[in-house]
Amino acid sequence: MALVNVSSALKKDEIKELLLAQESPKYTFVKMKTPIEMQFEVEDDGSHGDLASYTKSLVKKQPWGAVLMLRVLIEGQAFTGGKM
């Protein structure tokens, strides 16, 4: 289990719906950390690699995702690819 934080000023409801609809890995909404940052608990079997990168790719694959500015981090990271 990991905590993943997704930050986006736009399309928050769509992102939340997209992630909650995933079966594997399984995303559970935890809370809004800030007005633009959502936190999800993620249960994964390890087959999806880096969960931050995988989560970001799910969003970017949407028709509106390519132009969306967003940041996805594992809880504790200061920047993408940073130490936890």
N, C-alpha and C. Protein backbone atom coordinates (compact mmCIF):
# COMPACT_ATOMS: atom_id res chain seq x y z
N MET A 1 0.83 -1.17 0.00
CA MET A 1 0.00 0.00 0.00
C MET A 1 0.89 1.24 0.00
N ALA A 2 0.45 2.24 -0.76
CA ALA A 2 1.18 3.50 -0.84
C ALA A 2 0.19 4.64 -0.87
N LEU A 3 0.65 5.81 -0.47
CA LEU A 3 -0.16 7.01 -0.59
C LEU A 3 0.37 7.82 -1.77
N VAL A 4 -0.53 8.15 -2.69
CA VAL A 4 -0.17 8.92 -3.88
C VAL A 4 -0.92 10.24 -3.84
N ASN A 5 -0.19 11.33 -4.06
CA ASN A 5 -0.78 12.67 -4.08
C ASN A 5 -0.83 13.18 -5.51
N VAL A 6 -2.01 13.61 -5.92
CA VAL A 6 -2.22 14.11 -7.29
C VAL A 6 -2.64 15.57 -7.19
N SER A 7 -1.86 16.45 -7.81
CA SER A 7 -2.15 17.89 -7.78
C SER A 7 -2.50 18.37 -9.18
N SER A 8 -3.64 19.04 -9.28
CA SER A 8 -4.08 19.63 -10.54
C SER A 8 -5.11 20.71 -10.23
N ALA A 9 -4.98 21.85 -10.88
CA ALA A 9 -5.95 22.92 -10.69
C ALA A 9 -7.24 22.66 -11.46
N LEU A 10 -7.15 21.84 -12.51
CA LEU A 10 -8.30 21.56 -13.36
C LEU A 10 -8.61 20.06 -13.38
N LYS A 11 -9.85 19.74 -13.71
CA LYS A 11 -10.29 18.35 -13.92
C LYS A 11 -10.14 17.46 -12.69
N LYS A 12 -10.22 18.04 -11.51
CA LYS A 12 -10.07 17.23 -10.29
C LYS A 12 -11.15 16.15 -10.19
N ASP A 13 -12.39 16.50 -10.49
CA ASP A 13 -13.46 15.50 -10.39
C ASP A 13 -13.25 14.37 -11.39
N GLU A 14 -12.83 14.70 -12.61
CA GLU A 14 -12.58 13.69 -13.63
C GLU A 14 -11.42 12.78 -13.25
N ILE A 15 -10.37 13.37 -12.70
CA ILE A 15 -9.21 12.58 -12.26
C ILE A 15 -9.63 11.63 -11.15
N LYS A 16 -10.37 12.15 -10.19
CA LYS A 16 -10.83 11.33 -9.07
C LYS A 16 -11.68 10.16 -9.57
N GLU A 17 -12.63 10.42 -10.46
CA GLU A 17 -13.47 9.36 -11.01
C GLU A 17 -12.65 8.32 -11.76
N LEU A 18 -11.69 8.79 -12.56
CA LEU A 18 -10.82 7.89 -13.32
C LEU A 18 -10.06 6.94 -12.40
N LEU A 19 -9.45 7.48 -11.37
CA LEU A 19 -8.64 6.65 -10.48
C LEU A 19 -9.51 5.71 -9.65
N LEU A 20 -10.64 6.18 -9.17
CA LEU A 20 -11.51 5.31 -8.37
C LEU A 20 -12.10 4.16 -9.20
N ALA A 21 -12.17 4.32 -10.51
CA ALA A 21 -12.71 3.28 -11.38
C ALA A 21 -11.69 2.17 -11.68
N GLN A 22 -10.42 2.39 -11.34
CA GLN A 22 -9.39 1.40 -11.63
C GLN A 22 -9.52 0.20 -10.69
N GLU A 23 -9.35 -0.99 -11.25
CA GLU A 23 -9.41 -2.22 -10.45
C GLU A 23 -8.03 -2.66 -9.98
N SER A 24 -7.04 -2.45 -10.83
CA SER A 24 -5.67 -2.85 -10.48
C SER A 24 -4.69 -1.86 -11.10
N PRO A 25 -4.00 -1.10 -10.29
CA PRO A 25 -4.08 -1.03 -8.84
C PRO A 25 -5.39 -0.38 -8.39
N LYS A 26 -5.73 -0.62 -7.16
CA LYS A 26 -6.98 -0.12 -6.57
C LYS A 26 -6.71 1.19 -5.83
N TYR A 27 -7.39 2.26 -6.28
CA TYR A 27 -7.24 3.58 -5.67
C TYR A 27 -8.42 3.85 -4.74
N THR A 28 -8.13 4.37 -3.56
CA THR A 28 -9.15 4.79 -2.60
C THR A 28 -8.88 6.23 -2.22
N PHE A 29 -9.87 7.09 -2.41
CA PHE A 29 -9.70 8.50 -2.07
C PHE A 29 -9.58 8.64 -0.56
N VAL A 30 -8.56 9.40 -0.12
CA VAL A 30 -8.33 9.61 1.31
C VAL A 30 -8.82 10.99 1.72
N LYS A 31 -8.29 12.04 1.07
CA LYS A 31 -8.67 13.40 1.45
C LYS A 31 -8.12 14.41 0.44
N MET A 32 -8.62 15.63 0.55
CA MET A 32 -8.06 16.77 -0.15
C MET A 32 -7.01 17.36 0.78
N LYS A 33 -5.74 17.31 0.38
CA LYS A 33 -4.68 17.86 1.22
C LYS A 33 -4.66 19.38 1.14
N THR A 34 -4.92 19.90 -0.05
CA THR A 34 -5.03 21.33 -0.30
C THR A 34 -6.16 21.49 -1.31
N PRO A 35 -6.53 22.72 -1.66
CA PRO A 35 -7.60 22.88 -2.65
C PRO A 35 -7.30 22.25 -4.02
N ILE A 36 -6.02 21.99 -4.32
CA ILE A 36 -5.70 21.37 -5.61
C ILE A 36 -5.03 20.00 -5.50
N GLU A 37 -4.80 19.51 -4.29
CA GLU A 37 -4.07 18.25 -4.11
C GLU A 37 -4.95 17.20 -3.45
N MET A 38 -5.12 16.09 -4.17
CA MET A 38 -5.89 14.95 -3.66
C MET A 38 -4.94 13.85 -3.22
N GLN A 39 -5.33 13.11 -2.19
CA GLN A 39 -4.52 12.00 -1.73
C GLN A 39 -5.31 10.70 -1.88
N PHE A 40 -4.63 9.69 -2.44
CA PHE A 40 -5.24 8.38 -2.65
C PHE A 40 -4.38 7.31 -1.99
N GLU A 41 -5.03 6.31 -1.41
CA GLU A 41 -4.35 5.12 -0.93
C GLU A 41 -4.39 4.13 -2.09
N VAL A 42 -3.25 3.54 -2.42
CA VAL A 42 -3.18 2.65 -3.57
C VAL A 42 -2.71 1.27 -3.13
N GLU A 43 -3.52 0.26 -3.48
CA GLU A 43 -3.15 -1.13 -3.24
C GLU A 43 -2.70 -1.72 -4.56
N ASP A 44 -1.45 -2.17 -4.60
CA ASP A 44 -0.87 -2.66 -5.85
C ASP A 44 -0.09 -3.94 -5.58
N ASP A 45 -0.07 -4.83 -6.57
CA ASP A 45 0.68 -6.07 -6.44
C ASP A 45 2.14 -5.91 -6.88
N GLY A 46 2.53 -4.71 -7.25
CA GLY A 46 3.90 -4.44 -7.67
C GLY A 46 4.13 -4.56 -9.16
N SER A 47 3.13 -4.96 -9.91
CA SER A 47 3.30 -5.16 -11.35
C SER A 47 3.23 -3.87 -12.16
N HIS A 48 2.92 -2.76 -11.52
CA HIS A 48 2.77 -1.49 -12.25
C HIS A 48 3.98 -0.58 -12.10
N GLY A 49 5.03 -1.06 -11.45
CA GLY A 49 6.24 -0.26 -11.30
C GLY A 49 6.03 0.93 -10.39
N ASP A 50 6.62 2.05 -10.77
CA ASP A 50 6.52 3.29 -10.00
C ASP A 50 5.09 3.80 -10.04
N LEU A 51 4.41 3.83 -8.90
CA LEU A 51 3.00 4.21 -8.87
C LEU A 51 2.76 5.66 -9.25
N ALA A 52 3.69 6.54 -8.96
CA ALA A 52 3.53 7.95 -9.35
C ALA A 52 3.53 8.06 -10.87
N SER A 53 4.48 7.43 -11.52
CA SER A 53 4.56 7.47 -12.98
C SER A 53 3.35 6.79 -13.61
N TYR A 54 2.95 5.66 -13.05
CA TYR A 54 1.80 4.93 -13.59
C TYR A 54 0.52 5.75 -13.46
N THR A 55 0.32 6.38 -12.31
CA THR A 55 -0.86 7.21 -12.08
C THR A 55 -0.88 8.39 -13.05
N LYS A 56 0.25 9.03 -13.23
CA LYS A 56 0.34 10.16 -14.16
C LYS A 56 0.03 9.71 -15.58
N SER A 57 0.51 8.53 -15.96
CA SER A 57 0.26 8.05 -17.33
C SER A 57 -1.22 7.74 -17.55
N LEU A 58 -1.92 7.25 -16.51
CA LEU A 58 -3.36 7.03 -16.62
C LEU A 58 -4.09 8.32 -16.96
N VAL A 59 -3.73 9.39 -16.28
CA VAL A 59 -4.37 10.68 -16.51
C VAL A 59 -3.99 11.23 -17.88
N LYS A 60 -2.72 11.15 -18.23
CA LYS A 60 -2.25 11.72 -19.50
C LYS A 60 -2.84 11.00 -20.72
N LYS A 61 -3.30 9.75 -20.56
CA LYS A 61 -3.90 9.00 -21.67
C LYS A 61 -5.32 9.43 -21.99
N GLN A 62 -5.92 10.22 -21.12
CA GLN A 62 -7.28 10.70 -21.35
C GLN A 62 -7.28 11.74 -22.46
N PRO A 63 -8.40 11.93 -23.17
CA PRO A 63 -8.45 12.92 -24.25
C PRO A 63 -8.05 14.32 -23.80
N TRP A 64 -8.35 14.67 -22.56
CA TRP A 64 -8.03 15.97 -22.02
C TRP A 64 -6.71 15.97 -21.25
N GLY A 65 -6.11 14.81 -21.06
CA GLY A 65 -4.94 14.67 -20.20
C GLY A 65 -3.64 15.21 -20.76
N ALA A 66 -3.49 15.19 -22.05
CA ALA A 66 -2.21 15.60 -22.65
C ALA A 66 -1.90 17.07 -22.39
N VAL A 67 -2.92 17.89 -22.27
CA VAL A 67 -2.70 19.33 -22.07
C VAL A 67 -2.83 19.74 -20.61
N LEU A 68 -3.07 18.79 -19.74
CA LEU A 68 -3.29 19.07 -18.33
C LEU A 68 -1.97 19.17 -17.58
N MET A 69 -1.83 20.22 -16.80
CA MET A 69 -0.64 20.37 -15.95
C MET A 69 -0.95 19.68 -14.62
N LEU A 70 -0.18 18.64 -14.30
CA LEU A 70 -0.41 17.96 -13.04
C LEU A 70 0.87 17.43 -12.46
N ARG A 71 0.84 17.20 -11.15
CA ARG A 71 1.99 16.63 -10.46
C ARG A 71 1.49 15.44 -9.66
N VAL A 72 2.22 14.33 -9.76
CA VAL A 72 1.87 13.12 -9.01
C VAL A 72 3.11 12.69 -8.23
N LEU A 73 2.96 12.58 -6.92
CA LEU A 73 4.07 12.18 -6.06
C LEU A 73 3.62 11.11 -5.08
N ILE A 74 4.56 10.26 -4.68
CA ILE A 74 4.34 9.36 -3.57
C ILE A 74 4.46 10.19 -2.30
N GLU A 75 3.61 9.96 -1.33
CA GLU A 75 3.65 10.73 -0.07
C GLU A 75 5.06 10.72 0.48
N GLY A 76 5.59 11.90 0.76
CA GLY A 76 6.93 12.04 1.31
C GLY A 76 7.93 12.54 0.28
N GLN A 77 7.62 12.43 -1.00
CA GLN A 77 8.53 12.94 -2.03
C GLN A 77 8.37 14.45 -2.13
N ALA A 78 9.49 15.14 -2.38
CA ALA A 78 9.45 16.58 -2.59
C ALA A 78 9.32 16.91 -4.06
N PHE A 79 9.79 15.99 -4.91
CA PHE A 79 9.71 16.19 -6.36
C PHE A 79 9.71 14.83 -7.04
N THR A 80 9.28 14.79 -8.30
CA THR A 80 9.20 13.54 -9.05
C THR A 80 10.55 12.84 -9.08
N GLY A 81 10.56 11.59 -8.70
CA GLY A 81 11.80 10.81 -8.68
C GLY A 81 12.64 11.02 -7.44
N GLY A 82 12.17 11.88 -6.54
CA GLY A 82 12.93 12.18 -5.33
C GLY A 82 12.81 11.08 -4.28
N LYS A 83 13.67 11.21 -3.27
CA LYS A 83 13.65 10.25 -2.16
C LYS A 83 12.37 10.39 -1.38
N MET A 84 11.95 9.29 -0.75
CA MET A 84 10.74 9.31 0.08
C MET A 84 11.13 9.32 1.53
